[in-house]
Amino acid sequence: MVYLTRREHFNGAHRLYNSKWTDEQNAATFGKCANKNWHGHNFELFVTVKGEPDANTGFVINAHDLSRILKTEVLEKLDHKNFNLDVPELEGVLPSIENIIMLIWKWIAPHLKTCQLHCIKLVETENIYVEYYGT
């Protein structure tokens, strides 16, 4: 089994806020991330796929194909967007990094034909990142 990882970058803004709670509860739970004027991050995305190299190409997946999938299915949907307002799939969902990474998996997985999605790592800050291995 061979693992190939592609790294991408995107920028996005969001607000962590539960509308069922008071402002005080939100501030206590989410701190500055509950700011009514949003806040943003420079995200780093690592997508790892796995599979056996093709006998004719030596590739698990053509890196250009993976790049195109990520551009179409992730970057065009999230880059320079307000996750609370601009991403229909996050409507009514708290746009935490955990929920965002699960959505990214859902977007990417159906487009991989020659390999399988192994892991996604999403870095929000230099101190916070999540990893997701699917369901």
Protein backbone atom coordinates (compact mmCIF):
# COMPACT_ATOMS: atom_id res chain seq x y z
CA MET A 1 0.00 0.00 0.00
CA VAL A 2 1.35 3.44 -0.98
CA TYR A 3 0.20 6.70 0.61
CA LEU A 4 0.30 9.98 -1.30
CA THR A 5 -0.39 13.35 0.32
CA ARG A 6 -1.30 16.61 -1.38
CA ARG A 7 -1.17 19.95 0.48
CA GLU A 8 -3.40 22.91 -0.34
CA HIS A 9 -4.10 26.30 1.26
CA PHE A 10 -7.28 28.31 1.58
CA ASN A 11 -8.57 31.25 3.60
CA GLY A 12 -11.93 31.44 5.25
CA ALA A 13 -13.94 33.18 7.93
CA HIS A 14 -16.50 31.88 10.37
CA ARG A 15 -18.22 32.51 13.66
CA LEU A 16 -18.62 29.83 16.28
CA TYR A 17 -21.98 30.60 17.81
CA ASN A 18 -24.88 28.45 18.94
CA SER A 19 -28.09 30.39 18.31
CA LYS A 20 -29.87 28.40 21.04
CA TRP A 21 -27.54 29.86 23.67
CA THR A 22 -27.18 33.31 25.18
CA ASP A 23 -24.33 35.58 24.16
CA GLU A 24 -22.78 34.88 27.54
CA GLN A 25 -22.88 31.10 27.02
CA ASN A 26 -21.38 31.48 23.56
CA ALA A 27 -18.62 33.76 24.85
CA ALA A 28 -17.84 31.33 27.66
CA THR A 29 -17.62 28.38 25.27
CA PHE A 30 -16.16 29.90 22.10
CA GLY A 31 -14.36 33.00 23.40
CA LYS A 32 -13.18 35.35 20.64
CA CYS A 33 -14.38 32.84 18.04
CA ALA A 34 -17.96 33.93 18.84
CA ASN A 35 -17.19 37.47 17.63
CA LYS A 36 -20.29 38.81 15.88
CA ASN A 37 -18.04 40.28 13.17
CA TRP A 38 -16.49 36.89 12.31
CA HIS A 39 -12.85 35.88 12.34
CA GLY A 40 -10.67 34.18 9.78
CA HIS A 41 -7.92 31.63 9.32
CA ASN A 42 -5.32 30.67 6.76
CA PHE A 43 -6.06 26.96 6.53
CA GLU A 44 -3.64 24.28 5.42
CA LEU A 45 -5.22 21.12 4.05
CA PHE A 46 -3.40 17.79 3.73
CA VAL A 47 -5.23 15.08 1.80
CA THR A 48 -3.74 11.58 1.93
CA VAL A 49 -4.89 8.86 -0.45
CA LYS A 50 -3.83 5.23 -0.51
CA GLY A 51 -3.65 2.47 -3.07
CA GLU A 52 -1.42 0.32 -5.20
CA PRO A 53 0.56 2.03 -7.97
CA ASP A 54 -0.80 1.48 -11.46
CA ALA A 55 1.43 -0.84 -13.52
CA ASN A 56 1.43 1.55 -16.50
CA THR A 57 1.93 4.90 -14.74
CA GLY A 58 3.43 4.01 -11.37
CA PHE A 59 0.83 6.34 -9.80
CA VAL A 60 -1.62 5.68 -7.01
CA ILE A 61 -3.41 8.68 -8.55
CA ASN A 62 -2.19 11.22 -11.03
CA ALA A 63 -1.21 14.20 -8.85
CA HIS A 64 -2.73 16.58 -11.40
CA ASP A 65 -6.07 14.77 -11.12
CA LEU A 66 -5.97 14.99 -7.32
CA SER A 67 -5.11 18.68 -7.54
CA ARG A 68 -8.07 19.27 -9.90
CA ILE A 69 -10.45 17.40 -7.56
CA LEU A 70 -9.30 19.46 -4.58
CA LYS A 71 -9.60 22.71 -6.51
CA THR A 72 -13.11 21.93 -7.75
CA GLU A 73 -14.53 20.17 -4.71
CA VAL A 74 -12.86 22.09 -1.87
CA LEU A 75 -11.01 25.27 -2.77
CA GLU A 76 -13.71 26.76 -5.00
CA LYS A 77 -16.28 26.08 -2.28
CA LEU A 78 -14.30 27.30 0.75
CA ASP A 79 -11.51 29.69 -0.27
CA HIS A 80 -12.20 33.29 0.74
CA LYS A 81 -15.69 32.37 1.91
CA ASN A 82 -17.62 33.03 5.07
CA PHE A 83 -18.45 29.49 6.14
CA ASN A 84 -21.56 30.60 8.03
CA LEU A 85 -23.01 32.50 5.06
CA ASP A 86 -21.46 31.24 1.81
CA VAL A 87 -21.37 27.44 2.15
CA PRO A 88 -24.86 25.94 1.71
CA GLU A 89 -23.80 22.57 3.15
CA LEU A 90 -22.95 24.31 6.44
CA GLU A 91 -26.29 26.06 6.78
CA GLY A 92 -27.59 25.28 10.25
CA VAL A 93 -24.30 23.57 11.18
CA LEU A 94 -21.76 25.08 13.53
CA PRO A 95 -18.75 25.62 11.22
CA SER A 96 -16.16 24.18 13.58
CA ILE A 97 -12.98 22.76 12.09
CA GLU A 98 -14.32 19.30 13.01
CA ASN A 99 -17.51 19.79 10.98
CA ILE A 100 -15.60 21.36 8.09
CA ILE A 101 -13.18 18.44 7.77
CA MET A 102 -16.04 15.92 7.67
CA LEU A 103 -17.67 17.95 4.90
CA ILE A 104 -14.42 18.03 2.93
CA TRP A 105 -14.22 14.22 3.16
CA LYS A 106 -17.77 13.96 1.83
CA TRP A 107 -16.89 16.21 -1.10
CA ILE A 108 -13.65 14.41 -2.07
CA ALA A 109 -14.30 10.69 -1.52
CA PRO A 110 -16.75 10.09 -4.42
CA HIS A 111 -14.27 11.49 -6.95
CA LEU A 112 -11.42 9.09 -6.21
CA LYS A 113 -11.57 6.21 -8.66
CA THR A 114 -8.06 4.69 -8.59
CA CYS A 115 -7.40 5.00 -4.86
CA GLN A 116 -9.08 5.50 -1.49
CA LEU A 117 -9.16 8.48 0.79
CA HIS A 118 -7.04 7.61 3.83
CA CYS A 119 -6.85 10.76 5.93
CA ILE A 120 -7.47 14.48 5.84
CA LYS A 121 -5.60 16.89 8.09
CA LEU A 122 -6.86 20.45 8.40
CA VAL A 123 -4.64 23.00 10.13
CA GLU A 124 -6.48 26.02 11.50
CA THR A 125 -3.66 27.67 13.46
CA GLU A 126 -0.09 26.76 14.28
CA ASN A 127 -1.42 25.14 17.45
CA ILE A 128 -4.70 23.57 16.29
CA TYR A 129 -5.43 20.97 13.66
CA VAL A 130 -7.77 18.03 13.18
CA GLU A 131 -7.34 14.73 11.40
CA TYR A 132 -10.19 12.67 9.99
CA TYR A 133 -10.12 9.07 8.76
CA GLY A 134 -13.70 8.84 7.55
CA THR A 135 -16.63 6.94 8.92
